[in-house]
Amino acid sequence: MNNMLLIIAGMVLVTYIPRLLPFLLLSRLKLNTRAKRFLNLIPYTALGALIMPGFLTAIPESPLAAVLGLSFAIVYAWYKNSLIVSVLGSVVVAFLVTLAGNMI
């Protein structure tokens, strides 16, 4: 039991320190507006890289649901700039379109 706690504590340190160091080092830097804009777009590009390869095959019975869900995510993220709401909203849209397709 004691070894297990040491292993968990070691894993916490190993994963936390690489995340903390850039935050501490870069928090004092003054970035220009172009660099800030670039860094603000990274979450959206990472999300796009994760979603785009499989969005058409995610729901094989209803590719329309996947297209509408992705469309909602793109439009909402573009205008409202909220990553979490755009992802959750796209899931809800895809679910509702799939549900409506099953009812017909």
PDB file of N, CA and C in Angstrom:
ATOM      1  N   MET A   1       0.827  -1.196   0.000  1.00  0.00           N
ATOM      2  CA  MET A   1       0.000   0.000   0.000  1.00  0.00           C
ATOM      3  C   MET A   1       0.870   1.258   0.000  1.00  0.00           C
ATOM      4  N   ASN A   2       1.911   1.257   0.811  1.00  0.00           N
ATOM      5  CA  ASN A   2       2.794   2.407   0.906  1.00  0.00           C
ATOM      6  C   ASN A   2       3.543   2.634  -0.411  1.00  0.00           C
ATOM      7  N   ASN A   3       3.972   1.531  -1.048  1.00  0.00           N
ATOM      8  CA  ASN A   3       4.643   1.651  -2.349  1.00  0.00           C
ATOM      9  C   ASN A   3       3.705   2.214  -3.403  1.00  0.00           C
ATOM     10  N   MET A   4       2.441   1.827  -3.323  1.00  0.00           N
ATOM     11  CA  MET A   4       1.471   2.298  -4.299  1.00  0.00           C
ATOM     12  C   MET A   4       1.283   3.815  -4.185  1.00  0.00           C
ATOM     13  N   LEU A   5       1.252   4.339  -2.977  1.00  0.00           N
ATOM     14  CA  LEU A   5       1.121   5.786  -2.788  1.00  0.00           C
ATOM     15  C   LEU A   5       2.346   6.525  -3.308  1.00  0.00           C
ATOM     16  N   LEU A   6       3.525   5.942  -3.114  1.00  0.00           N
ATOM     17  CA  LEU A   6       4.744   6.556  -3.650  1.00  0.00           C
ATOM     18  C   LEU A   6       4.742   6.559  -5.176  1.00  0.00           C
ATOM     19  N   ILE A   7       4.260   5.490  -5.763  1.00  0.00           N
ATOM     20  CA  ILE A   7       4.187   5.417  -7.225  1.00  0.00           C
ATOM     21  C   ILE A   7       3.216   6.463  -7.752  1.00  0.00           C
ATOM     22  N   ILE A   8       2.060   6.590  -7.107  1.00  0.00           N
ATOM     23  CA  ILE A   8       1.076   7.581  -7.544  1.00  0.00           C
ATOM     24  C   ILE A   8       1.630   8.994  -7.375  1.00  0.00           C
ATOM     25  N   ALA A   9       2.288   9.267  -6.259  1.00  0.00           N
ATOM     26  CA  ALA A   9       2.878  10.586  -6.039  1.00  0.00           C
ATOM     27  C   ALA A   9       3.955  10.885  -7.084  1.00  0.00           C
ATOM     28  N   GLY A  10       4.741   9.895  -7.422  1.00  0.00           N
ATOM     29  CA  GLY A  10       5.768  10.069  -8.458  1.00  0.00           C
ATOM     30  C   GLY A  10       5.149  10.353  -9.814  1.00  0.00           C
ATOM     31  N   MET A  11       4.065   9.657 -10.141  1.00  0.00           N
ATOM     32  CA  MET A  11       3.400   9.900 -11.420  1.00  0.00           C
ATOM     33  C   MET A  11       2.770  11.293 -11.460  1.00  0.00           C
ATOM     34  N   VAL A  12       2.268  11.739 -10.323  1.00  0.00           N
ATOM     35  CA  VAL A  12       1.707  13.093 -10.257  1.00  0.00           C
ATOM     36  C   VAL A  12       2.801  14.120 -10.542  1.00  0.00           C
ATOM     37  N   LEU A  13       3.946  13.963  -9.920  1.00  0.00           N
ATOM     38  CA  LEU A  13       5.053  14.898 -10.152  1.00  0.00           C
ATOM     39  C   LEU A  13       5.543  14.863 -11.588  1.00  0.00           C
ATOM     40  N   VAL A  14       5.655  13.680 -12.133  1.00  0.00           N
ATOM     41  CA  VAL A  14       6.165  13.533 -13.499  1.00  0.00           C
ATOM     42  C   VAL A  14       5.230  14.172 -14.513  1.00  0.00           C
ATOM     43  N   THR A  15       3.931  14.117 -14.279  1.00  0.00           N
ATOM     44  CA  THR A  15       3.006  14.732 -15.236  1.00  0.00           C
ATOM     45  C   THR A  15       2.715  16.193 -14.926  1.00  0.00           C
ATOM     46  N   TYR A  16       2.833  16.597 -13.677  1.00  0.00           N
ATOM     47  CA  TYR A  16       2.485  17.978 -13.312  1.00  0.00           C
ATOM     48  C   TYR A  16       3.610  18.964 -13.610  1.00  0.00           C
ATOM     49  N   ILE A  17       4.829  18.585 -13.362  1.00  0.00           N
ATOM     50  CA  ILE A  17       5.962  19.500 -13.559  1.00  0.00           C
ATOM     51  C   ILE A  17       6.101  19.960 -15.012  1.00  0.00           C
ATOM     52  N   PRO A  18       6.017  19.080 -16.016  1.00  0.00           N
ATOM     53  CA  PRO A  18       6.115  19.584 -17.394  1.00  0.00           C
ATOM     54  C   PRO A  18       4.969  20.515 -17.794  1.00  0.00           C
ATOM     55  N   ARG A  19       3.851  20.433 -17.121  1.00  0.00           N
ATOM     56  CA  ARG A  19       2.752  21.348 -17.406  1.00  0.00           C
ATOM     57  C   ARG A  19       2.921  22.670 -16.664  1.00  0.00           C
ATOM     58  N   LEU A  20       3.527  22.620 -15.501  1.00  0.00           N
ATOM     59  CA  LEU A  20       3.681  23.813 -14.683  1.00  0.00           C
ATOM     60  C   LEU A  20       4.830  24.699 -15.164  1.00  0.00           C
ATOM     61  N   LEU A  21       5.931  24.100 -15.584  1.00  0.00           N
ATOM     62  CA  LEU A  21       7.107  24.882 -15.972  1.00  0.00           C
ATOM     63  C   LEU A  21       6.846  25.861 -17.114  1.00  0.00           C
ATOM     64  N   PRO A  22       6.235  25.451 -18.222  1.00  0.00           N
ATOM     65  CA  PRO A  22       5.969  26.448 -19.269  1.00  0.00           C
ATOM     66  C   PRO A  22       5.041  27.561 -18.796  1.00  0.00           C
ATOM     67  N   PHE A  23       4.081  27.219 -17.959  1.00  0.00           N
ATOM     68  CA  PHE A  23       3.181  28.242 -17.431  1.00  0.00           C
ATOM     69  C   PHE A  23       3.955  29.267 -16.610  1.00  0.00           C
ATOM     70  N   LEU A  24       4.835  28.806 -15.747  1.00  0.00           N
ATOM     71  CA  LEU A  24       5.609  29.718 -14.914  1.00  0.00           C
ATOM     72  C   LEU A  24       6.601  30.538 -15.724  1.00  0.00           C
ATOM     73  N   LEU A  25       7.236  29.909 -16.698  1.00  0.00           N
ATOM     74  CA  LEU A  25       8.243  30.616 -17.492  1.00  0.00           C
ATOM     75  C   LEU A  25       7.619  31.597 -18.478  1.00  0.00           C
ATOM     76  N   LEU A  26       6.496  31.217 -19.091  1.00  0.00           N
ATOM     77  CA  LEU A  26       5.896  32.067 -20.116  1.00  0.00           C
ATOM     78  C   LEU A  26       4.919  33.093 -19.564  1.00  0.00           C
ATOM     79  N   SER A  27       4.543  32.975 -18.295  1.00  0.00           N
ATOM     80  CA  SER A  27       3.575  33.921 -17.748  1.00  0.00           C
ATOM     81  C   SER A  27       4.171  35.320 -17.595  1.00  0.00           C
ATOM     82  N   ARG A  28       5.458  35.425 -17.516  1.00  0.00           N
ATOM     83  CA  ARG A  28       6.108  36.728 -17.377  1.00  0.00           C
ATOM     84  C   ARG A  28       6.439  37.388 -18.716  1.00  0.00           C
ATOM     85  N   LEU A  29       6.328  36.631 -19.797  1.00  0.00           N
ATOM     86  CA  LEU A  29       6.646  37.178 -21.117  1.00  0.00           C
ATOM     87  C   LEU A  29       5.516  38.063 -21.630  1.00  0.00           C
ATOM     88  N   LYS A  30       5.889  39.122 -22.286  1.00  0.00           N
ATOM     89  CA  LYS A  30       4.918  39.973 -22.960  1.00  0.00           C
ATOM     90  C   LYS A  30       4.893  39.567 -24.427  1.00  0.00           C
ATOM     91  N   LEU A  31       3.777  39.007 -24.862  1.00  0.00           N
ATOM     92  CA  LEU A  31       3.654  38.549 -26.236  1.00  0.00           C
ATOM     93  C   LEU A  31       2.969  39.605 -27.081  1.00  0.00           C
ATOM     94  N   ASN A  32       3.355  39.672 -28.343  1.00  0.00           N
ATOM     95  CA  ASN A  32       2.666  40.592 -29.241  1.00  0.00           C
ATOM     96  C   ASN A  32       1.311  40.008 -29.626  1.00  0.00           C
ATOM     97  N   THR A  33       0.487  40.795 -30.266  1.00  0.00           N
ATOM     98  CA  THR A  33      -0.883  40.365 -30.561  1.00  0.00           C
ATOM     99  C   THR A  33      -0.931  39.186 -31.524  1.00  0.00           C
ATOM    100  N   ARG A  34       0.020  39.132 -32.438  1.00  0.00           N
ATOM    101  CA  ARG A  34       0.044  38.010 -33.392  1.00  0.00           C
ATOM    102  C   ARG A  34       0.333  36.696 -32.677  1.00  0.00           C
ATOM    103  N   ALA A  35       1.263  36.690 -31.751  1.00  0.00           N
ATOM    104  CA  ALA A  35       1.581  35.481 -30.989  1.00  0.00           C
ATOM    105  C   ALA A  35       0.412  35.078 -30.091  1.00  0.00           C
ATOM    106  N   LYS A  36      -0.251  36.063 -29.481  1.00  0.00           N
ATOM    107  CA  LYS A  36      -1.421  35.760 -28.644  1.00  0.00           C
ATOM    108  C   LYS A  36      -2.540  35.141 -29.470  1.00  0.00           C
ATOM    109  N   ARG A  37      -2.763  35.678 -30.652  1.00  0.00           N
ATOM    110  CA  ARG A  37      -3.811  35.138 -31.524  1.00  0.00           C
ATOM    111  C   ARG A  37      -3.471  33.704 -31.940  1.00  0.00           C
ATOM    112  N   PHE A  38      -2.220  33.466 -32.265  1.00  0.00           N
ATOM    113  CA  PHE A  38      -1.779  32.125 -32.628  1.00  0.00           C
ATOM    114  C   PHE A  38      -2.011  31.145 -31.476  1.00  0.00           C
ATOM    115  N   LEU A  39      -1.640  31.530 -30.269  1.00  0.00           N
ATOM    116  CA  LEU A  39      -1.813  30.652 -29.116  1.00  0.00           C
ATOM    117  C   LEU A  39      -3.288  30.442 -28.776  1.00  0.00           C
ATOM    118  N   ASN A  40      -4.122  31.436 -29.034  1.00  0.00           N
ATOM    119  CA  ASN A  40      -5.553  31.277 -28.787  1.00  0.00           C
ATOM    120  C   ASN A  40      -6.214  30.324 -29.769  1.00  0.00           C
ATOM    121  N   LEU A  41      -5.628  30.132 -30.938  1.00  0.00           N
ATOM    122  CA  LEU A  41      -6.207  29.241 -31.940  1.00  0.00           C
ATOM    123  C   LEU A  41      -5.773  27.788 -31.777  1.00  0.00           C
ATOM    124  N   ILE A  42      -4.802  27.524 -30.943  1.00  0.00           N
ATOM    125  CA  ILE A  42      -4.304  26.146 -30.787  1.00  0.00           C
ATOM    126  C   ILE A  42      -5.380  25.173 -30.312  1.00  0.00           C
ATOM    127  N   PRO A  43      -6.228  25.496 -29.321  1.00  0.00           N
ATOM    128  CA  PRO A  43      -7.251  24.521 -28.925  1.00  0.00           C
ATOM    129  C   PRO A  43      -8.200  24.144 -30.067  1.00  0.00           C
ATOM    130  N   TYR A  44      -8.555  25.107 -30.909  1.00  0.00           N
ATOM    131  CA  TYR A  44      -9.467  24.826 -32.013  1.00  0.00           C
ATOM    132  C   TYR A  44      -8.796  23.967 -33.079  1.00  0.00           C
ATOM    133  N   THR A  45      -7.535  24.237 -33.352  1.00  0.00           N
ATOM    134  CA  THR A  45      -6.851  23.423 -34.351  1.00  0.00           C
ATOM    135  C   THR A  45      -6.609  22.012 -33.833  1.00  0.00           C
ATOM    136  N   ALA A  46      -6.314  21.872 -32.560  1.00  0.00           N
ATOM    137  CA  ALA A  46      -6.144  20.536 -31.993  1.00  0.00           C
ATOM    138  C   ALA A  46      -7.459  19.770 -32.029  1.00  0.00           C
ATOM    139  N   LEU A  47      -8.550  20.439 -31.704  1.00  0.00           N
ATOM    140  CA  LEU A  47      -9.856  19.796 -31.761  1.00  0.00           C
ATOM    141  C   LEU A  47     -10.197  19.391 -33.189  1.00  0.00           C
ATOM    142  N   GLY A  48      -9.893  20.261 -34.132  1.00  0.00           N
ATOM    143  CA  GLY A  48     -10.131  19.921 -35.536  1.00  0.00           C
ATOM    144  C   GLY A  48      -9.303  18.743 -35.997  1.00  0.00           C
ATOM    145  N   ALA A  49      -8.066  18.676 -35.555  1.00  0.00           N
ATOM    146  CA  ALA A  49      -7.207  17.548 -35.931  1.00  0.00           C
ATOM    147  C   ALA A  49      -7.710  16.238 -35.330  1.00  0.00           C
ATOM    148  N   LEU A  50      -8.347  16.313 -34.186  1.00  0.00           N
ATOM    149  CA  LEU A  50      -8.885  15.100 -33.565  1.00  0.00           C
ATOM    150  C   LEU A  50     -10.219  14.685 -34.186  1.00  0.00           C
ATOM    151  N   ILE A  51     -11.027  15.642 -34.570  1.00  0.00           N
ATOM    152  CA  ILE A  51     -12.378  15.347 -35.046  1.00  0.00           C
ATOM    153  C   ILE A  51     -12.429  15.043 -36.544  1.00  0.00           C
ATOM    154  N   MET A  52     -11.739  15.814 -37.351  1.00  0.00           N
ATOM    155  CA  MET A  52     -11.896  15.724 -38.803  1.00  0.00           C
ATOM    156  C   MET A  52     -11.637  14.342 -39.404  1.00  0.00           C
ATOM    157  N   PRO A  53     -10.640  13.586 -38.967  1.00  0.00           N
ATOM    158  CA  PRO A  53     -10.413  12.289 -39.624  1.00  0.00           C
ATOM    159  C   PRO A  53     -11.582  11.309 -39.511  1.00  0.00           C
ATOM    160  N   GLY A  54     -12.387  11.402 -38.472  1.00  0.00           N
ATOM    161  CA  GLY A  54     -13.409  10.382 -38.308  1.00  0.00           C
ATOM    162  C   GLY A  54     -14.830  10.875 -38.226  1.00  0.00           C
ATOM    163  N   PHE A  55     -15.081  12.132 -38.567  1.00  0.00           N
ATOM    164  CA  PHE A  55     -16.436  12.623 -38.323  1.00  0.00           C
ATOM    165  C   PHE A  55     -17.459  12.013 -39.278  1.00  0.00           C
ATOM    166  N   LEU A  56     -17.085  11.682 -40.501  1.00  0.00           N
ATOM    167  CA  LEU A  56     -18.053  11.071 -41.419  1.00  0.00           C
ATOM    168  C   LEU A  56     -18.320   9.599 -41.101  1.00  0.00           C
ATOM    169  N   THR A  57     -17.365   8.947 -40.492  1.00  0.00           N
ATOM    170  CA  THR A  57     -17.561   7.530 -40.176  1.00  0.00           C
ATOM    171  C   THR A  57     -18.024   7.315 -38.741  1.00  0.00           C
ATOM    172  N   ALA A  58     -18.240   8.403 -37.994  1.00  0.00           N
ATOM    173  CA  ALA A  58     -18.653   8.273 -36.598  1.00  0.00           C
ATOM    174  C   ALA A  58     -20.044   7.681 -36.492  1.00  0.00           C
ATOM    175  N   ILE A  59     -20.944   8.065 -37.380  1.00  0.00           N
ATOM    176  CA  ILE A  59     -22.307   7.547 -37.391  1.00  0.00           C
ATOM    177  C   ILE A  59     -22.561   6.996 -38.803  1.00  0.00           C
ATOM    178  N   PRO A  60     -22.191   5.749 -39.057  1.00  0.00           N
ATOM    179  CA  PRO A  60     -22.292   5.214 -40.419  1.00  0.00           C
ATOM    180  C   PRO A  60     -23.718   5.205 -40.970  1.00  0.00           C
ATOM    181  N   GLU A  61     -24.721   5.029 -40.089  1.00  0.00           N
ATOM    182  CA  GLU A  61     -26.104   4.973 -40.563  1.00  0.00           C
ATOM    183  C   GLU A  61     -26.613   6.351 -40.971  1.00  0.00           C
ATOM    184  N   SER A  62     -26.025   7.405 -40.430  1.00  0.00           N
ATOM    185  CA  SER A  62     -26.523   8.759 -40.666  1.00  0.00           C
ATOM    186  C   SER A  62     -25.360   9.751 -40.788  1.00  0.00           C
ATOM    187  N   PRO A  63     -24.736   9.806 -41.962  1.00  0.00           N
ATOM    188  CA  PRO A  63     -23.658  10.790 -42.125  1.00  0.00           C
ATOM    189  C   PRO A  63     -24.173  12.225 -42.049  1.00  0.00           C
ATOM    190  N   LEU A  64     -25.470  12.430 -42.311  1.00  0.00           N
ATOM    191  CA  LEU A  64     -26.054  13.762 -42.187  1.00  0.00           C
ATOM    192  C   LEU A  64     -25.955  14.268 -40.753  1.00  0.00           C
ATOM    193  N   ALA A  65     -26.140  13.385 -39.784  1.00  0.00           N
ATOM    194  CA  ALA A  65     -26.033  13.777 -38.377  1.00  0.00           C
ATOM    195  C   ALA A  65     -24.618  14.253 -38.067  1.00  0.00           C
ATOM    196  N   ALA A  66     -23.626  13.565 -38.609  1.00  0.00           N
ATOM    197  CA  ALA A  66     -22.240  13.967 -38.375  1.00  0.00           C
ATOM    198  C   ALA A  66     -21.944  15.306 -39.032  1.00  0.00           C
ATOM    199  N   VAL A  67     -22.442  15.509 -40.239  1.00  0.00           N
ATOM    200  CA  VAL A  67     -22.201  16.770 -40.953  1.00  0.00           C
ATOM    201  C   VAL A  67     -22.881  17.924 -40.224  1.00  0.00           C
ATOM    202  N   LEU A  68     -24.119  17.724 -39.784  1.00  0.00           N
ATOM    203  CA  LEU A  68     -24.821  18.793 -39.071  1.00  0.00           C
ATOM    204  C   LEU A  68     -24.180  19.072 -37.709  1.00  0.00           C
ATOM    205  N   GLY A  69     -23.746  18.036 -37.024  1.00  0.00           N
ATOM    206  CA  GLY A  69     -23.054  18.238 -35.753  1.00  0.00           C
ATOM    207  C   GLY A  69     -21.760  19.003 -35.927  1.00  0.00           C
ATOM    208  N   LEU A  70     -20.984  18.651 -36.931  1.00  0.00           N
ATOM    209  CA  LEU A  70     -19.740  19.362 -37.205  1.00  0.00           C
ATOM    210  C   LEU A  70     -20.020  20.801 -37.630  1.00  0.00           C
ATOM    211  N   SER A  71     -21.053  20.992 -38.432  1.00  0.00           N
ATOM    212  CA  SER A  71     -21.413  22.345 -38.863  1.00  0.00           C
ATOM    213  C   SER A  71     -21.782  23.215 -37.666  1.00  0.00           C
ATOM    214  N   PHE A  72     -22.549  22.655 -36.740  1.00  0.00           N
ATOM    215  CA  PHE A  72     -22.896  23.413 -35.539  1.00  0.00           C
ATOM    216  C   PHE A  72     -21.639  23.789 -34.765  1.00  0.00           C
ATOM    217  N   ALA A  73     -20.724  22.837 -34.607  1.00  0.00           N
ATOM    218  CA  ALA A  73     -19.503  23.105 -33.843  1.00  0.00           C
ATOM    219  C   ALA A  73     -18.684  24.221 -34.490  1.00  0.00           C
ATOM    220  N   ILE A  74     -18.568  24.193 -35.797  1.00  0.00           N
ATOM    221  CA  ILE A  74     -17.775  25.205 -36.497  1.00  0.00           C
ATOM    222  C   ILE A  74     -18.416  26.584 -36.361  1.00  0.00           C
ATOM    223  N   VAL A  75     -19.714  26.658 -36.627  1.00  0.00           N
ATOM    224  CA  VAL A  75     -20.402  27.951 -36.590  1.00  0.00           C
ATOM    225  C   VAL A  75     -20.425  28.516 -35.170  1.00  0.00           C
ATOM    226  N   TYR A  76     -20.751  27.678 -34.202  1.00  0.00           N
ATOM    227  CA  TYR A  76     -20.830  28.171 -32.825  1.00  0.00           C
ATOM    228  C   TYR A  76     -19.456  28.606 -32.309  1.00  0.00           C
ATOM    229  N   ALA A  77     -18.425  27.815 -32.602  1.00  0.00           N
ATOM    230  CA  ALA A  77     -17.081  28.179 -32.159  1.00  0.00           C
ATOM    231  C   ALA A  77     -16.606  29.458 -32.835  1.00  0.00           C
ATOM    232  N   TRP A  78     -16.998  29.660 -34.089  1.00  0.00           N
ATOM    233  CA  TRP A  78     -16.576  30.861 -34.814  1.00  0.00           C
ATOM    234  C   TRP A  78     -17.197  32.117 -34.218  1.00  0.00           C
ATOM    235  N   TYR A  79     -18.499  32.064 -33.929  1.00  0.00           N
ATOM    236  CA  TYR A  79     -19.197  33.265 -33.468  1.00  0.00           C
ATOM    237  C   TYR A  79     -19.167  33.468 -31.954  1.00  0.00           C
ATOM    238  N   LYS A  80     -19.205  32.398 -31.188  1.00  0.00           N
ATOM    239  CA  LYS A  80     -19.296  32.533 -29.740  1.00  0.00           C
ATOM    240  C   LYS A  80     -17.974  32.274 -29.029  1.00  0.00           C
ATOM    241  N   ASN A  81     -17.019  31.649 -29.711  1.00  0.00           N
ATOM    242  CA  ASN A  81     -15.689  31.412 -29.151  1.00  0.00           C
ATOM    243  C   ASN A  81     -15.720  30.589 -27.861  1.00  0.00           C
ATOM    244  N   SER A  82     -16.608  29.603 -27.834  1.00  0.00           N
ATOM    245  CA  SER A  82     -16.710  28.733 -26.669  1.00  0.00           C
ATOM    246  C   SER A  82     -16.482  27.290 -27.111  1.00  0.00           C
ATOM    247  N   LEU A  83     -15.362  26.742 -26.729  1.00  0.00           N
ATOM    248  CA  LEU A  83     -14.976  25.413 -27.189  1.00  0.00           C
ATOM    249  C   LEU A  83     -15.841  24.319 -26.578  1.00  0.00           C
ATOM    250  N   ILE A  84     -16.086  24.380 -25.290  1.00  0.00           N
ATOM    251  CA  ILE A  84     -16.836  23.319 -24.614  1.00  0.00           C
ATOM    252  C   ILE A  84     -18.280  23.292 -25.086  1.00  0.00           C
ATOM    253  N   VAL A  85     -18.904  24.464 -25.187  1.00  0.00           N
ATOM    254  CA  VAL A  85     -20.300  24.514 -25.623  1.00  0.00           C
ATOM    255  C   VAL A  85     -20.429  24.054 -27.077  1.00  0.00           C
ATOM    256  N   SER A  86     -19.462  24.379 -27.910  1.00  0.00           N
ATOM    257  CA  SER A  86     -19.543  23.947 -29.306  1.00  0.00           C
ATOM    258  C   SER A  86     -19.430  22.432 -29.428  1.00  0.00           C
ATOM    259  N   VAL A  87     -18.581  21.818 -28.633  1.00  0.00           N
ATOM    260  CA  VAL A  87     -18.450  20.351 -28.670  1.00  0.00           C
ATOM    261  C   VAL A  87     -19.710  19.693 -28.129  1.00  0.00           C
ATOM    262  N   LEU A  88     -20.171  20.147 -26.968  1.00  0.00           N
ATOM    263  CA  LEU A  88     -21.386  19.554 -26.391  1.00  0.00           C
ATOM    264  C   LEU A  88     -22.601  19.798 -27.285  1.00  0.00           C
ATOM    265  N   GLY A  89     -22.695  20.974 -27.862  1.00  0.00           N
ATOM    266  CA  GLY A  89     -23.802  21.264 -28.773  1.00  0.00           C
ATOM    267  C   GLY A  89     -23.774  20.398 -30.016  1.00  0.00           C
ATOM    268  N   SER A  90     -22.604  20.149 -30.551  1.00  0.00           N
ATOM    269  CA  SER A  90     -22.515  19.298 -31.738  1.00  0.00           C
ATOM    270  C   SER A  90     -22.913  17.859 -31.417  1.00  0.00           C
ATOM    271  N   VAL A  91     -22.590  17.400 -30.222  1.00  0.00           N
ATOM    272  CA  VAL A  91     -23.014  16.059 -29.807  1.00  0.00           C
ATOM    273  C   VAL A  91     -24.534  16.003 -29.703  1.00  0.00           C
ATOM    274  N   VAL A  92     -25.125  17.045 -29.116  1.00  0.00           N
ATOM    275  CA  VAL A  92     -26.590  17.090 -28.984  1.00  0.00           C
ATOM    276  C   VAL A  92     -27.249  17.155 -30.359  1.00  0.00           C
ATOM    277  N   VAL A  93     -26.725  17.976 -31.263  1.00  0.00           N
ATOM    278  CA  VAL A  93     -27.295  18.068 -32.610  1.00  0.00           C
ATOM    279  C   VAL A  93     -27.206  16.726 -33.320  1.00  0.00           C
ATOM    280  N   ALA A  94     -26.061  16.067 -33.261  1.00  0.00           N
ATOM    281  CA  ALA A  94     -25.915  14.764 -33.905  1.00  0.00           C
ATOM    282  C   ALA A  94     -26.869  13.742 -33.290  1.00  0.00           C
ATOM    283  N   PHE A  95     -27.024  13.778 -31.981  1.00  0.00           N
ATOM    284  CA  PHE A  95     -27.942  12.858 -31.310  1.00  0.00           C
ATOM    285  C   PHE A  95     -29.380  13.105 -31.754  1.00  0.00           C
ATOM    286  N   LEU A  96     -29.795  14.379 -31.792  1.00  0.00           N
ATOM    287  CA  LEU A  96     -31.169  14.691 -32.182  1.00  0.00           C
ATOM    288  C   LEU A  96     -31.452  14.323 -33.634  1.00  0.00           C
ATOM    289  N   VAL A  97     -30.498  14.559 -34.513  1.00  0.00           N
ATOM    290  CA  VAL A  97     -30.681  14.190 -35.929  1.00  0.00           C
ATOM    291  C   VAL A  97     -30.757  12.670 -36.064  1.00  0.00           C
ATOM    292  N   THR A  98     -29.920  11.959 -35.338  1.00  0.00           N
ATOM    293  CA  THR A  98     -29.970  10.498 -35.373  1.00  0.00           C
ATOM    294  C   THR A  98     -31.280   9.985 -34.804  1.00  0.00           C
ATOM    295  N   LEU A  99     -31.726  10.587 -33.707  1.00  0.00           N
ATOM    296  CA  LEU A  99     -32.997  10.196 -33.095  1.00  0.00           C
ATOM    297  C   LEU A  99     -34.165  10.461 -34.034  1.00  0.00           C
ATOM    298  N   ALA A 100     -34.154  11.618 -34.693  1.00  0.00           N
ATOM    299  CA  ALA A 100     -35.213  11.948 -35.646  1.00  0.00           C
ATOM    300  C   ALA A 100     -35.184  10.986 -36.835  1.00  0.00           C
ATOM    301  N   GLY A 101     -33.997  10.600 -37.268  1.00  0.00           N
ATOM    302  CA  GLY A 101     -33.883   9.649 -38.376  1.00  0.00           C
ATOM    303  C   GLY A 101     -34.405   8.273 -37.999  1.00  0.00           C
ATOM    304  N   ASN A 102     -34.247   7.871 -36.754  1.00  0.00           N
ATOM    305  CA  ASN A 102     -34.745   6.577 -36.309  1.00  0.00           C
ATOM    306  C   ASN A 102     -36.256   6.579 -36.134  1.00  0.00           C
ATOM    307  N   MET A 103     -36.841   7.755 -35.891  1.00  0.00           N
ATOM    308  CA  MET A 103     -38.286   7.852 -35.717  1.00  0.00           C
ATOM    309  C   MET A 103     -39.033   7.797 -37.043  1.00  0.00           C
ATOM    310  N   ILE A 104     -38.362   8.206 -38.112  1.00  0.00           N
ATOM    311  CA  ILE A 104     -39.016   8.245 -39.424  1.00  0.00           C
ATOM    312  C   ILE A 104     -39.132   6.866 -40.015  1.00  0.00           C
TER     313      ILE A 104
END
